[in-house]
Amino acid sequence: MSFYDLCKDSVLSAKDLFKYRVKRDSTIPSKGGQKDFEPNGSWLQAKSLEAFMQERLAILSEPRVEKLKSLVQGEWDSSKCLVNISKPGKFWAHMGFTDEKRNWLFPEEALFLIEANALEVYHDGVPFSVQEAYSKCLGSDVSVEEYQVYSYLQRLGYVVIRHEEK
């Protein structure tokens, strides 16, 4: 049984977590610049692009495991396109808002926290995958480009809030 199959439908014990712990390579993945992706038709470039893509695929396909008690739980509200969180986490000081005595996150905030493995969002009792979160959170209200800017600034340490027109 693979690690993915084991954790897909259950909560892992400490013994299972230790057994399937992944030894990660401590080297930083290569970035690749603009010149690396401009086609020149060479065999060497094709091989280096293939290696680059395989490296990215390996990083993205790693299962993400987090203790349940450290995840903040949220419920997706389709009518408002917002996430209602039951108990705010440490991020609450600079994210989200309170309305009607309920705590809400904007879609970009929720997606950022899902990517950071700090939030688990449910819809009709079923948790979102990262792919589902992207499809629900990005679209009419938040574009992919807006989210990329938001997440980039957040990772740099900026507090990013929505502009409110009066």
Foldseek 3Di string as FASTA:
>chain_A
DAPCVVPVPDDDDPVSCVVNPDDDDPDDQDDDDPVLPDDPPDPVSVVVVVVSVVVVVVVVPDDDDDDPVQAWEWEQDLVVLKTWTDDDDPCVVQAFDADPNTTIGQLLVQLLCVVVVRYWYDYPRHTDDNVRSCVSRDDDPHHPVNSVVVNVCVVVPDRDDDDDDD
